Amino acid sequence: MILIRLNTVLQQYNLFVGQPRTLDLIRRYPGITQRELAARMHISPAALSASLKRLVKNDWVSKTVTEQDLRSHRLYLTEAGEQVNLACIHDIEQMHENMLSGLAEADRQQMKIYLNQICSNLARENGTSYPFNEST
């Protein structure tokens, strides 16, 4: 049910699951390389490539060749990318608020603790770390 609702929100912007996070990381780290972005997202550069092609095609992300390595590109949000990123974040936050409506703040906090523990357990099982913070 959640995935259906998320896809409905993302379809408004012609985005797929994972792309809002890609846009937001590029916004937070202008000039990030594809390799650095893939590492932050815990995916391979090849897996990121198709998604980036779509974002570039939609004129939401621009690529510039790095001076040090002509095979490497720095990524930036375009003005249109900034706008779609902010609108999408707003809609996703609204979706989260709607999902949690009716829950007391204490219950929300307890749910957050449980979900963090579940993610931590899964990460440990996969040999990675959690939380996936922006310093990794």
N, C-alpha and C. Protein backbone atom coordinates (compact mmCIF):
# COMPACT_ATOMS: atom_id res chain seq x y z
N MET A 1 0.81 -1.19 0.00
CA MET A 1 0.00 0.00 0.00
C MET A 1 0.86 1.27 0.00
N ILE A 2 1.90 1.27 0.82
CA ILE A 2 2.78 2.43 0.90
C ILE A 2 3.49 2.64 -0.44
N LEU A 3 3.97 1.56 -1.03
CA LEU A 3 4.68 1.68 -2.31
C LEU A 3 3.75 2.19 -3.41
N ILE A 4 2.49 1.77 -3.39
CA ILE A 4 1.52 2.26 -4.37
C ILE A 4 1.34 3.76 -4.21
N ARG A 5 1.17 4.20 -2.96
CA ARG A 5 1.00 5.65 -2.69
C ARG A 5 2.25 6.42 -3.09
N LEU A 6 3.42 5.90 -2.77
CA LEU A 6 4.67 6.56 -3.13
C LEU A 6 4.80 6.67 -4.65
N ASN A 7 4.49 5.61 -5.36
CA ASN A 7 4.56 5.65 -6.82
C ASN A 7 3.59 6.68 -7.40
N THR A 8 2.42 6.81 -6.78
CA THR A 8 1.45 7.82 -7.23
C THR A 8 2.03 9.23 -7.06
N VAL A 9 2.66 9.48 -5.93
CA VAL A 9 3.29 10.78 -5.68
C VAL A 9 4.41 11.01 -6.69
N LEU A 10 5.25 10.01 -6.89
CA LEU A 10 6.40 10.19 -7.78
C LEU A 10 6.00 10.33 -9.24
N GLN A 11 4.93 9.69 -9.64
CA GLN A 11 4.47 9.79 -11.04
C GLN A 11 4.14 11.23 -11.42
N GLN A 12 3.70 12.03 -10.47
CA GLN A 12 3.41 13.44 -10.74
C GLN A 12 4.64 14.16 -11.29
N TYR A 13 5.80 13.69 -10.88
CA TYR A 13 7.06 14.34 -11.25
C TYR A 13 7.86 13.53 -12.27
N ASN A 14 7.26 12.45 -12.75
CA ASN A 14 7.95 11.57 -13.70
C ASN A 14 9.22 10.99 -13.07
N LEU A 15 9.12 10.61 -11.79
CA LEU A 15 10.23 10.03 -11.04
C LEU A 15 9.92 8.59 -10.66
N PHE A 16 10.98 7.84 -10.40
CA PHE A 16 10.86 6.47 -9.91
C PHE A 16 11.43 6.41 -8.49
N VAL A 17 11.09 5.36 -7.77
CA VAL A 17 11.60 5.17 -6.41
C VAL A 17 13.13 5.24 -6.45
N GLY A 18 13.72 5.96 -5.53
CA GLY A 18 15.17 6.13 -5.47
C GLY A 18 15.63 7.44 -6.07
N GLN A 19 14.91 7.95 -7.05
CA GLN A 19 15.34 9.19 -7.70
C GLN A 19 15.19 10.42 -6.82
N PRO A 20 14.16 10.53 -5.97
CA PRO A 20 14.12 11.69 -5.07
C PRO A 20 15.36 11.77 -4.18
N ARG A 21 15.80 10.62 -3.69
CA ARG A 21 17.01 10.62 -2.85
C ARG A 21 18.23 11.03 -3.66
N THR A 22 18.30 10.58 -4.91
CA THR A 22 19.41 10.98 -5.79
C THR A 22 19.42 12.49 -5.95
N LEU A 23 18.27 13.06 -6.28
CA LEU A 23 18.18 14.52 -6.44
C LEU A 23 18.57 15.24 -5.17
N ASP A 24 18.10 14.75 -4.02
CA ASP A 24 18.39 15.44 -2.76
C ASP A 24 19.87 15.37 -2.40
N LEU A 25 20.51 14.24 -2.67
CA LEU A 25 21.94 14.15 -2.38
C LEU A 25 22.75 15.06 -3.30
N ILE A 26 22.35 15.17 -4.56
CA ILE A 26 23.05 16.08 -5.48
C ILE A 26 22.84 17.53 -5.01
N ARG A 27 21.64 17.83 -4.51
CA ARG A 27 21.39 19.17 -3.97
C ARG A 27 22.29 19.46 -2.79
N ARG A 28 22.44 18.49 -1.89
CA ARG A 28 23.25 18.70 -0.70
C ARG A 28 24.74 18.70 -0.98
N TYR A 29 25.14 18.01 -2.05
CA TYR A 29 26.57 17.89 -2.40
C TYR A 29 26.79 18.29 -3.85
N PRO A 30 26.60 19.58 -4.18
CA PRO A 30 26.79 20.00 -5.57
C PRO A 30 28.22 19.68 -6.03
N GLY A 31 28.32 19.12 -7.22
CA GLY A 31 29.63 18.75 -7.76
C GLY A 31 30.07 17.35 -7.38
N ILE A 32 29.21 16.60 -6.71
CA ILE A 32 29.54 15.23 -6.35
C ILE A 32 29.74 14.41 -7.63
N THR A 33 30.66 13.47 -7.59
CA THR A 33 30.85 12.61 -8.76
C THR A 33 29.88 11.44 -8.68
N GLN A 34 29.69 10.78 -9.82
CA GLN A 34 28.79 9.63 -9.86
C GLN A 34 29.29 8.54 -8.92
N ARG A 35 30.58 8.33 -8.89
CA ARG A 35 31.15 7.31 -8.00
C ARG A 35 30.89 7.65 -6.53
N GLU A 36 31.09 8.92 -6.16
CA GLU A 36 30.85 9.34 -4.78
C GLU A 36 29.36 9.22 -4.42
N LEU A 37 28.51 9.60 -5.36
CA LEU A 37 27.07 9.50 -5.13
C LEU A 37 26.64 8.05 -4.94
N ALA A 38 27.15 7.18 -5.79
CA ALA A 38 26.81 5.75 -5.68
C ALA A 38 27.26 5.21 -4.32
N ALA A 39 28.43 5.61 -3.86
CA ALA A 39 28.92 5.16 -2.56
C ALA A 39 28.01 5.64 -1.44
N ARG A 40 27.57 6.88 -1.50
CA ARG A 40 26.65 7.41 -0.48
C ARG A 40 25.31 6.68 -0.49
N MET A 41 24.91 6.20 -1.68
CA MET A 41 23.63 5.52 -1.81
C MET A 41 23.75 4.01 -1.59
N HIS A 42 24.99 3.54 -1.43
CA HIS A 42 25.26 2.12 -1.22
C HIS A 42 24.79 1.28 -2.41
N ILE A 43 25.05 1.80 -3.62
CA ILE A 43 24.76 1.08 -4.86
C ILE A 43 25.97 1.21 -5.78
N SER A 44 26.00 0.43 -6.84
CA SER A 44 27.12 0.51 -7.78
C SER A 44 26.94 1.70 -8.71
N PRO A 45 28.05 2.26 -9.21
CA PRO A 45 27.93 3.34 -10.20
C PRO A 45 27.12 2.92 -11.42
N ALA A 46 27.22 1.67 -11.82
CA ALA A 46 26.46 1.18 -12.97
C ALA A 46 24.96 1.21 -12.67
N ALA A 47 24.58 0.85 -11.45
CA ALA A 47 23.16 0.87 -11.07
C ALA A 47 22.62 2.28 -11.07
N LEU A 48 23.46 3.23 -10.73
CA LEU A 48 23.06 4.63 -10.69
C LEU A 48 22.98 5.25 -12.08
N SER A 49 23.73 4.70 -13.01
CA SER A 49 23.87 5.29 -14.34
C SER A 49 22.54 5.48 -15.07
N ALA A 50 21.70 4.46 -15.10
CA ALA A 50 20.43 4.56 -15.83
C ALA A 50 19.53 5.62 -15.20
N SER A 51 19.51 5.68 -13.89
CA SER A 51 18.70 6.68 -13.20
C SER A 51 19.19 8.08 -13.52
N LEU A 52 20.52 8.26 -13.51
CA LEU A 52 21.09 9.57 -13.83
C LEU A 52 20.79 9.99 -15.26
N LYS A 53 20.84 9.04 -16.18
CA LYS A 53 20.53 9.35 -17.58
C LYS A 53 19.13 9.94 -17.70
N ARG A 54 18.21 9.36 -16.98
CA ARG A 54 16.82 9.84 -17.00
C ARG A 54 16.73 11.24 -16.38
N LEU A 55 17.43 11.46 -15.30
CA LEU A 55 17.40 12.77 -14.64
C LEU A 55 18.03 13.85 -15.52
N VAL A 56 19.10 13.49 -16.23
CA VAL A 56 19.74 14.42 -17.17
C VAL A 56 18.80 14.70 -18.34
N LYS A 57 18.18 13.65 -18.86
CA LYS A 57 17.26 13.80 -20.00
C LYS A 57 16.10 14.73 -19.64
N ASN A 58 15.62 14.66 -18.40
CA ASN A 58 14.53 15.52 -17.95
C ASN A 58 15.01 16.92 -17.57
N ASP A 59 16.30 17.18 -17.74
CA ASP A 59 16.92 18.48 -17.44
C ASP A 59 16.82 18.84 -15.96
N TRP A 60 16.95 17.83 -15.11
CA TRP A 60 16.96 18.07 -13.68
C TRP A 60 18.37 18.00 -13.11
N VAL A 61 19.27 17.33 -13.82
CA VAL A 61 20.66 17.18 -13.39
C VAL A 61 21.54 17.52 -14.57
N SER A 62 22.63 18.23 -14.28
CA SER A 62 23.63 18.49 -15.33
C SER A 62 24.93 17.80 -14.93
N LYS A 63 25.65 17.38 -15.95
CA LYS A 63 26.95 16.72 -15.74
C LYS A 63 28.03 17.59 -16.35
N THR A 64 29.14 17.75 -15.63
CA THR A 64 30.30 18.42 -16.19
C THR A 64 31.52 17.51 -16.01
N VAL A 65 32.36 17.48 -17.01
CA VAL A 65 33.56 16.65 -16.97
C VAL A 65 34.54 17.24 -15.98
N THR A 66 35.15 16.39 -15.16
CA THR A 66 36.16 16.88 -14.21
C THR A 66 37.47 17.12 -14.94
N GLU A 67 38.22 18.07 -14.45
CA GLU A 67 39.50 18.41 -15.08
C GLU A 67 40.55 17.33 -14.84
N GLN A 68 40.46 16.66 -13.69
CA GLN A 68 41.45 15.66 -13.33
C GLN A 68 41.28 14.36 -14.11
N ASP A 69 40.03 14.01 -14.42
CA ASP A 69 39.76 12.73 -15.07
C ASP A 69 38.60 12.94 -16.05
N LEU A 70 38.89 12.90 -17.32
CA LEU A 70 37.88 13.17 -18.34
C LEU A 70 36.76 12.14 -18.36
N ARG A 71 36.97 11.00 -17.69
CA ARG A 71 35.92 9.97 -17.61
C ARG A 71 34.96 10.22 -16.47
N SER A 72 35.31 11.13 -15.59
CA SER A 72 34.52 11.41 -14.40
C SER A 72 33.69 12.68 -14.61
N HIS A 73 32.47 12.66 -14.09
CA HIS A 73 31.58 13.81 -14.21
C HIS A 73 31.14 14.31 -12.84
N ARG A 74 31.05 15.63 -12.73
CA ARG A 74 30.49 16.24 -11.53
C ARG A 74 29.01 16.50 -11.79
N LEU A 75 28.19 16.29 -10.77
CA LEU A 75 26.74 16.38 -10.92
C LEU A 75 26.20 17.60 -10.18
N TYR A 76 25.27 18.27 -10.84
CA TYR A 76 24.63 19.46 -10.27
C TYR A 76 23.15 19.42 -10.58
N LEU A 77 22.33 19.96 -9.68
CA LEU A 77 20.92 20.12 -9.99
C LEU A 77 20.75 21.36 -10.85
N THR A 78 19.89 21.26 -11.83
CA THR A 78 19.50 22.43 -12.60
C THR A 78 18.44 23.18 -11.80
N GLU A 79 18.04 24.34 -12.28
CA GLU A 79 16.97 25.07 -11.60
C GLU A 79 15.68 24.24 -11.58
N ALA A 80 15.39 23.58 -12.70
CA ALA A 80 14.21 22.72 -12.75
C ALA A 80 14.35 21.55 -11.77
N GLY A 81 15.56 21.03 -11.63
CA GLY A 81 15.82 19.95 -10.68
C GLY A 81 15.61 20.39 -9.25
N GLU A 82 16.04 21.62 -8.94
CA GLU A 82 15.81 22.18 -7.60
C GLU A 82 14.32 22.24 -7.30
N GLN A 83 13.55 22.70 -8.28
CA GLN A 83 12.11 22.86 -8.08
C GLN A 83 11.41 21.51 -7.89
N VAL A 84 11.75 20.53 -8.74
CA VAL A 84 11.10 19.23 -8.61
C VAL A 84 11.53 18.54 -7.32
N ASN A 85 12.77 18.75 -6.91
CA ASN A 85 13.26 18.16 -5.67
C ASN A 85 12.47 18.71 -4.48
N LEU A 86 12.32 20.01 -4.39
CA LEU A 86 11.59 20.61 -3.27
C LEU A 86 10.12 20.20 -3.26
N ALA A 87 9.49 20.19 -4.42
CA ALA A 87 8.08 19.80 -4.51
C ALA A 87 7.89 18.34 -4.10
N CYS A 88 8.80 17.49 -4.56
CA CYS A 88 8.71 16.06 -4.25
C CYS A 88 8.93 15.82 -2.76
N ILE A 89 9.91 16.49 -2.17
CA ILE A 89 10.16 16.36 -0.73
C ILE A 89 8.92 16.77 0.05
N HIS A 90 8.32 17.87 -0.34
CA HIS A 90 7.10 18.34 0.34
C HIS A 90 6.01 17.28 0.28
N ASP A 91 5.78 16.72 -0.91
CA ASP A 91 4.72 15.72 -1.06
C ASP A 91 5.01 14.43 -0.29
N ILE A 92 6.27 14.02 -0.25
CA ILE A 92 6.63 12.81 0.49
C ILE A 92 6.48 13.06 2.00
N GLU A 93 6.88 14.25 2.46
CA GLU A 93 6.69 14.57 3.87
C GLU A 93 5.21 14.59 4.23
N GLN A 94 4.38 15.10 3.33
CA GLN A 94 2.93 15.10 3.57
C GLN A 94 2.40 13.66 3.62
N MET A 95 2.92 12.81 2.74
CA MET A 95 2.52 11.40 2.74
C MET A 95 2.89 10.75 4.07
N HIS A 96 4.11 11.03 4.58
CA HIS A 96 4.53 10.49 5.88
C HIS A 96 3.60 10.98 6.99
N GLU A 97 3.28 12.26 6.96
CA GLU A 97 2.40 12.81 7.99
C GLU A 97 1.03 12.14 7.95
N ASN A 98 0.51 11.91 6.75
CA ASN A 98 -0.78 11.24 6.61
C ASN A 98 -0.72 9.81 7.13
N MET A 99 0.39 9.12 6.88
CA MET A 99 0.52 7.74 7.35
C MET A 99 0.55 7.66 8.87
N LEU A 100 1.11 8.68 9.51
CA LEU A 100 1.27 8.65 10.95
C LEU A 100 0.16 9.38 11.70
N SER A 101 -0.79 9.92 10.95
CA SER A 101 -1.87 10.66 11.62
C SER A 101 -2.62 9.71 12.57
N GLY A 102 -3.01 10.25 13.69
CA GLY A 102 -3.70 9.43 14.68
C GLY A 102 -2.78 8.77 15.68
N LEU A 103 -1.48 8.81 15.44
CA LEU A 103 -0.52 8.25 16.39
C LEU A 103 -0.02 9.36 17.31
N ALA A 104 0.04 9.07 18.58
CA ALA A 104 0.59 10.03 19.54
C ALA A 104 2.09 10.18 19.28
N GLU A 105 2.63 11.30 19.70
CA GLU A 105 4.06 11.56 19.50
C GLU A 105 4.92 10.47 20.14
N ALA A 106 4.53 10.00 21.31
CA ALA A 106 5.29 8.92 21.99
C ALA A 106 5.27 7.65 21.14
N ASP A 107 4.14 7.35 20.52
CA ASP A 107 4.05 6.17 19.65
C ASP A 107 4.91 6.35 18.40
N ARG A 108 4.93 7.55 17.87
CA ARG A 108 5.78 7.83 16.70
C ARG A 108 7.26 7.62 17.04
N GLN A 109 7.65 8.10 18.20
CA GLN A 109 9.04 7.94 18.63
C GLN A 109 9.39 6.47 18.86
N GLN A 110 8.47 5.73 19.46
CA GLN A 110 8.70 4.30 19.69
C GLN A 110 8.81 3.56 18.36
N MET A 111 7.96 3.92 17.38
CA MET A 111 8.03 3.30 16.06
C MET A 111 9.38 3.58 15.41
N LYS A 112 9.86 4.80 15.57
CA LYS A 112 11.16 5.17 15.01
C LYS A 112 12.27 4.32 15.63
N ILE A 113 12.20 4.09 16.92
CA ILE A 113 13.19 3.25 17.60
C ILE A 113 13.15 1.83 17.04
N TYR A 114 11.95 1.28 16.89
CA TYR A 114 11.82 -0.07 16.35
C TYR A 114 12.34 -0.16 14.92
N LEU A 115 11.97 0.79 14.09
CA LEU A 115 12.43 0.77 12.69
C LEU A 115 13.95 0.93 12.58
N ASN A 116 14.52 1.78 13.42
CA ASN A 116 15.98 1.93 13.42
C ASN A 116 16.66 0.63 13.84
N GLN A 117 16.08 -0.06 14.81
CA GLN A 117 16.66 -1.34 15.24
C GLN A 117 16.58 -2.38 14.14
N ILE A 118 15.45 -2.42 13.44
CA ILE A 118 15.29 -3.35 12.32
C ILE A 118 16.33 -3.05 11.24
N CYS A 119 16.48 -1.79 10.89
CA CYS A 119 17.47 -1.40 9.87
C CYS A 119 18.89 -1.74 10.31
N SER A 120 19.16 -1.51 11.58
CA SER A 120 20.48 -1.82 12.13
C SER A 120 20.75 -3.32 12.05
N ASN A 121 19.76 -4.13 12.38
CA ASN A 121 19.91 -5.59 12.29
C ASN A 121 20.17 -6.04 10.85
N LEU A 122 19.41 -5.48 9.92
CA LEU A 122 19.60 -5.84 8.50
C LEU A 122 20.97 -5.40 8.00
N ALA A 123 21.40 -4.22 8.39
CA ALA A 123 22.71 -3.73 7.96
C ALA A 123 23.82 -4.62 8.51
N ARG A 124 23.72 -4.98 9.78
CA ARG A 124 24.73 -5.86 10.39
C ARG A 124 24.79 -7.19 9.65
N GLU A 125 23.62 -7.72 9.30
CA GLU A 125 23.56 -8.98 8.57
C GLU A 125 24.23 -8.87 7.20
N ASN A 126 24.14 -7.68 6.59
CA ASN A 126 24.74 -7.46 5.27
C ASN A 126 26.17 -6.94 5.34
N GLY A 127 26.69 -6.75 6.55
CA GLY A 127 28.06 -6.29 6.69
C GLY A 127 28.23 -4.81 6.42
N THR A 128 27.15 -4.04 6.54
CA THR A 128 27.24 -2.60 6.36
C THR A 128 26.91 -1.92 7.67
N SER A 129 26.84 -0.60 7.64
CA SER A 129 26.53 0.13 8.87
C SER A 129 25.23 0.88 8.71
N TYR A 130 24.61 1.13 9.85
CA TYR A 130 23.39 1.92 9.89
C TYR A 130 23.47 2.80 11.12
N PRO A 131 23.05 4.03 11.07
CA PRO A 131 22.28 4.64 10.00
C PRO A 131 23.17 5.00 8.82
N PHE A 132 22.54 5.06 7.66
CA PHE A 132 23.24 5.50 6.46
C PHE A 132 23.25 7.02 6.51
N ASN A 133 24.26 7.54 7.16
CA ASN A 133 24.28 9.00 7.30
C ASN A 133 25.06 9.61 6.15
N GLU A 134 25.08 10.91 6.10
CA GLU A 134 25.68 11.60 4.97
C GLU A 134 27.20 11.63 5.03
N SER A 135 27.80 11.12 6.10
CA SER A 135 29.25 11.09 6.16
C SER A 135 29.82 9.82 5.57
N THR A 136 28.95 8.87 5.19
CA THR A 136 29.44 7.61 4.61
C THR A 136 29.34 7.63 3.12
